[in-house]
Amino acid sequence: YEAAAQKLDLSAPLATAAELGGAVLIAVGLFARIGALALLGVVATIQIFVFPGNWAEHLLWTSLLLLILARGAGVISLDHLASKYFAR
């Protein structure tokens, strides 16, 4: 029981950091693909271990995150501005 409690003590802050950090990265548009990848890991973990019956909702989140992962944050993002600035 003690080992499981220690893992929970570590996993909850890591999951919170991944979820909040990924959301902030996507919202700002800076390193959005890394943020989408982190959130895909969170969605996969929740789907497998927490709510395995909610596959429809998780499929929706996964498809949106895969779109960001494949195409990037878009033209209104810090990633786009940085690519223009460093392309010179």
C-alpha atoms as a PDB file:
ATOM      1  CA  TYR A   1       0.000   0.000   0.000  1.00  0.00           C
ATOM      2  CA  GLU A   2       2.858   2.378   0.800  1.00  0.00           C
ATOM      3  CA  ALA A   3       4.452   1.998  -2.656  1.00  0.00           C
ATOM      4  CA  ALA A   4       1.141   2.693  -4.389  1.00  0.00           C
ATOM      5  CA  ALA A   5       0.659   5.828  -2.292  1.00  0.00           C
ATOM      6  CA  GLN A   6       4.136   7.067  -3.234  1.00  0.00           C
ATOM      7  CA  LYS A   7       3.394   6.544  -6.936  1.00  0.00           C
ATOM      8  CA  LEU A   8       0.131   8.440  -6.553  1.00  0.00           C
ATOM      9  CA  ASP A   9       1.970  11.253  -4.798  1.00  0.00           C
ATOM     10  CA  LEU A  10       4.191  11.586  -7.874  1.00  0.00           C
ATOM     11  CA  SER A  11       1.696  10.860 -10.650  1.00  0.00           C
ATOM     12  CA  ALA A  12      -0.954  13.421  -9.695  1.00  0.00           C
ATOM     13  CA  PRO A  13       1.351  16.475  -9.904  1.00  0.00           C
ATOM     14  CA  LEU A  14       2.938  15.161 -13.113  1.00  0.00           C
ATOM     15  CA  ALA A  15      -0.456  14.660 -14.748  1.00  0.00           C
ATOM     16  CA  THR A  16      -1.566  18.118 -13.638  1.00  0.00           C
ATOM     17  CA  ALA A  17       1.621  19.695 -14.975  1.00  0.00           C
ATOM     18  CA  ALA A  18       1.273  17.887 -18.316  1.00  0.00           C
ATOM     19  CA  GLU A  19      -2.367  18.871 -18.679  1.00  0.00           C
ATOM     20  CA  LEU A  20      -1.949  22.522 -17.717  1.00  0.00           C
ATOM     21  CA  GLY A  21       1.379  22.926 -19.483  1.00  0.00           C
ATOM     22  CA  GLY A  22       0.116  21.396 -22.707  1.00  0.00           C
ATOM     23  CA  ALA A  23      -2.998  23.569 -22.660  1.00  0.00           C
ATOM     24  CA  VAL A  24      -0.960  26.731 -22.126  1.00  0.00           C
ATOM     25  CA  LEU A  25       1.456  25.829 -24.923  1.00  0.00           C
ATOM     26  CA  ILE A  26      -1.425  25.280 -27.335  1.00  0.00           C
ATOM     27  CA  ALA A  27      -3.286  28.424 -26.254  1.00  0.00           C
ATOM     28  CA  VAL A  28      -0.210  30.610 -26.673  1.00  0.00           C
ATOM     29  CA  GLY A  29       0.870  28.836 -29.817  1.00  0.00           C
ATOM     30  CA  LEU A  30       4.434  28.282 -28.668  1.00  0.00           C
ATOM     31  CA  PHE A  31       5.704  24.712 -29.057  1.00  0.00           C
ATOM     32  CA  ALA A  32       2.104  23.689 -29.743  1.00  0.00           C
ATOM     33  CA  ARG A  33       3.095  20.319 -31.165  1.00  0.00           C
ATOM     34  CA  ILE A  34       4.912  19.400 -27.955  1.00  0.00           C
ATOM     35  CA  GLY A  35       1.864  20.527 -25.974  1.00  0.00           C
ATOM     36  CA  ALA A  36      -0.418  18.416 -28.164  1.00  0.00           C
ATOM     37  CA  LEU A  37       1.840  15.418 -27.683  1.00  0.00           C
ATOM     38  CA  ALA A  38       1.747  15.857 -23.896  1.00  0.00           C
ATOM     39  CA  LEU A  39      -2.043  16.125 -23.950  1.00  0.00           C
ATOM     40  CA  LEU A  40      -2.288  13.028 -26.137  1.00  0.00           C
ATOM     41  CA  GLY A  41      -0.438  11.158 -23.409  1.00  0.00           C
ATOM     42  CA  VAL A  42      -2.878  12.492 -20.814  1.00  0.00           C
ATOM     43  CA  VAL A  43      -5.885  11.493 -22.935  1.00  0.00           C
ATOM     44  CA  ALA A  44      -4.451   8.021 -23.521  1.00  0.00           C
ATOM     45  CA  THR A  45      -3.806   7.536 -19.815  1.00  0.00           C
ATOM     46  CA  ILE A  46      -7.307   8.649 -18.885  1.00  0.00           C
ATOM     47  CA  GLN A  47      -8.829   6.434 -21.584  1.00  0.00           C
ATOM     48  CA  ILE A  48      -6.916   3.338 -20.514  1.00  0.00           C
ATOM     49  CA  PHE A  49      -6.919   3.651 -16.737  1.00  0.00           C
ATOM     50  CA  VAL A  50      -9.646   6.054 -15.595  1.00  0.00           C
ATOM     51  CA  PHE A  51     -12.648   6.119 -17.945  1.00  0.00           C
ATOM     52  CA  PRO A  52     -12.331   3.275 -20.483  1.00  0.00           C
ATOM     53  CA  GLY A  53     -16.000   3.590 -21.446  1.00  0.00           C
ATOM     54  CA  ASN A  54     -15.765   7.197 -22.675  1.00  0.00           C
ATOM     55  CA  TRP A  55     -14.077   6.355 -25.952  1.00  0.00           C
ATOM     56  CA  ALA A  56     -16.263   8.730 -28.016  1.00  0.00           C
ATOM     57  CA  GLU A  57     -15.214  11.799 -26.054  1.00  0.00           C
ATOM     58  CA  HIS A  58     -11.580  10.735 -26.011  1.00  0.00           C
ATOM     59  CA  LEU A  59     -11.691  10.085 -29.749  1.00  0.00           C
ATOM     60  CA  LEU A  60     -12.862  13.666 -30.258  1.00  0.00           C
ATOM     61  CA  TRP A  61     -10.013  15.057 -28.136  1.00  0.00           C
ATOM     62  CA  THR A  62      -7.501  12.777 -29.853  1.00  0.00           C
ATOM     63  CA  SER A  63      -8.583  13.868 -33.331  1.00  0.00           C
ATOM     64  CA  LEU A  64      -8.254  17.545 -32.422  1.00  0.00           C
ATOM     65  CA  LEU A  65      -4.844  17.029 -30.852  1.00  0.00           C
ATOM     66  CA  LEU A  66      -3.659  14.998 -33.852  1.00  0.00           C
ATOM     67  CA  LEU A  67      -4.688  17.886 -36.097  1.00  0.00           C
ATOM     68  CA  ILE A  68      -2.505  20.263 -34.079  1.00  0.00           C
ATOM     69  CA  LEU A  69       0.296  17.706 -34.038  1.00  0.00           C
ATOM     70  CA  ALA A  70       0.152  17.293 -37.822  1.00  0.00           C
ATOM     71  CA  ARG A  71      -0.399  20.885 -38.944  1.00  0.00           C
ATOM     72  CA  GLY A  72       0.973  23.024 -36.139  1.00  0.00           C
ATOM     73  CA  ALA A  73      -0.584  25.955 -34.338  1.00  0.00           C
ATOM     74  CA  GLY A  74      -1.450  28.017 -37.413  1.00  0.00           C
ATOM     75  CA  VAL A  75      -0.664  31.510 -38.608  1.00  0.00           C
ATOM     76  CA  ILE A  76      -1.881  33.259 -35.449  1.00  0.00           C
ATOM     77  CA  SER A  77       0.699  31.779 -33.092  1.00  0.00           C
ATOM     78  CA  LEU A  78       4.094  32.468 -31.631  1.00  0.00           C
ATOM     79  CA  ASP A  79       5.472  29.477 -33.529  1.00  0.00           C
ATOM     80  CA  HIS A  80       4.565  31.145 -36.810  1.00  0.00           C
ATOM     81  CA  LEU A  81       6.083  34.463 -35.749  1.00  0.00           C
ATOM     82  CA  ALA A  82       9.268  32.750 -34.586  1.00  0.00           C
ATOM     83  CA  SER A  83       9.614  30.842 -37.858  1.00  0.00           C
ATOM     84  CA  LYS A  84       9.287  34.076 -39.804  1.00  0.00           C
ATOM     85  CA  TYR A  85      11.812  35.832 -37.574  1.00  0.00           C
ATOM     86  CA  PHE A  86      14.426  33.064 -37.681  1.00  0.00           C
ATOM     87  CA  ALA A  87      13.977  32.414 -41.414  1.00  0.00           C
ATOM     88  CA  ARG A  88      15.756  35.667 -42.221  1.00  0.00           C
END
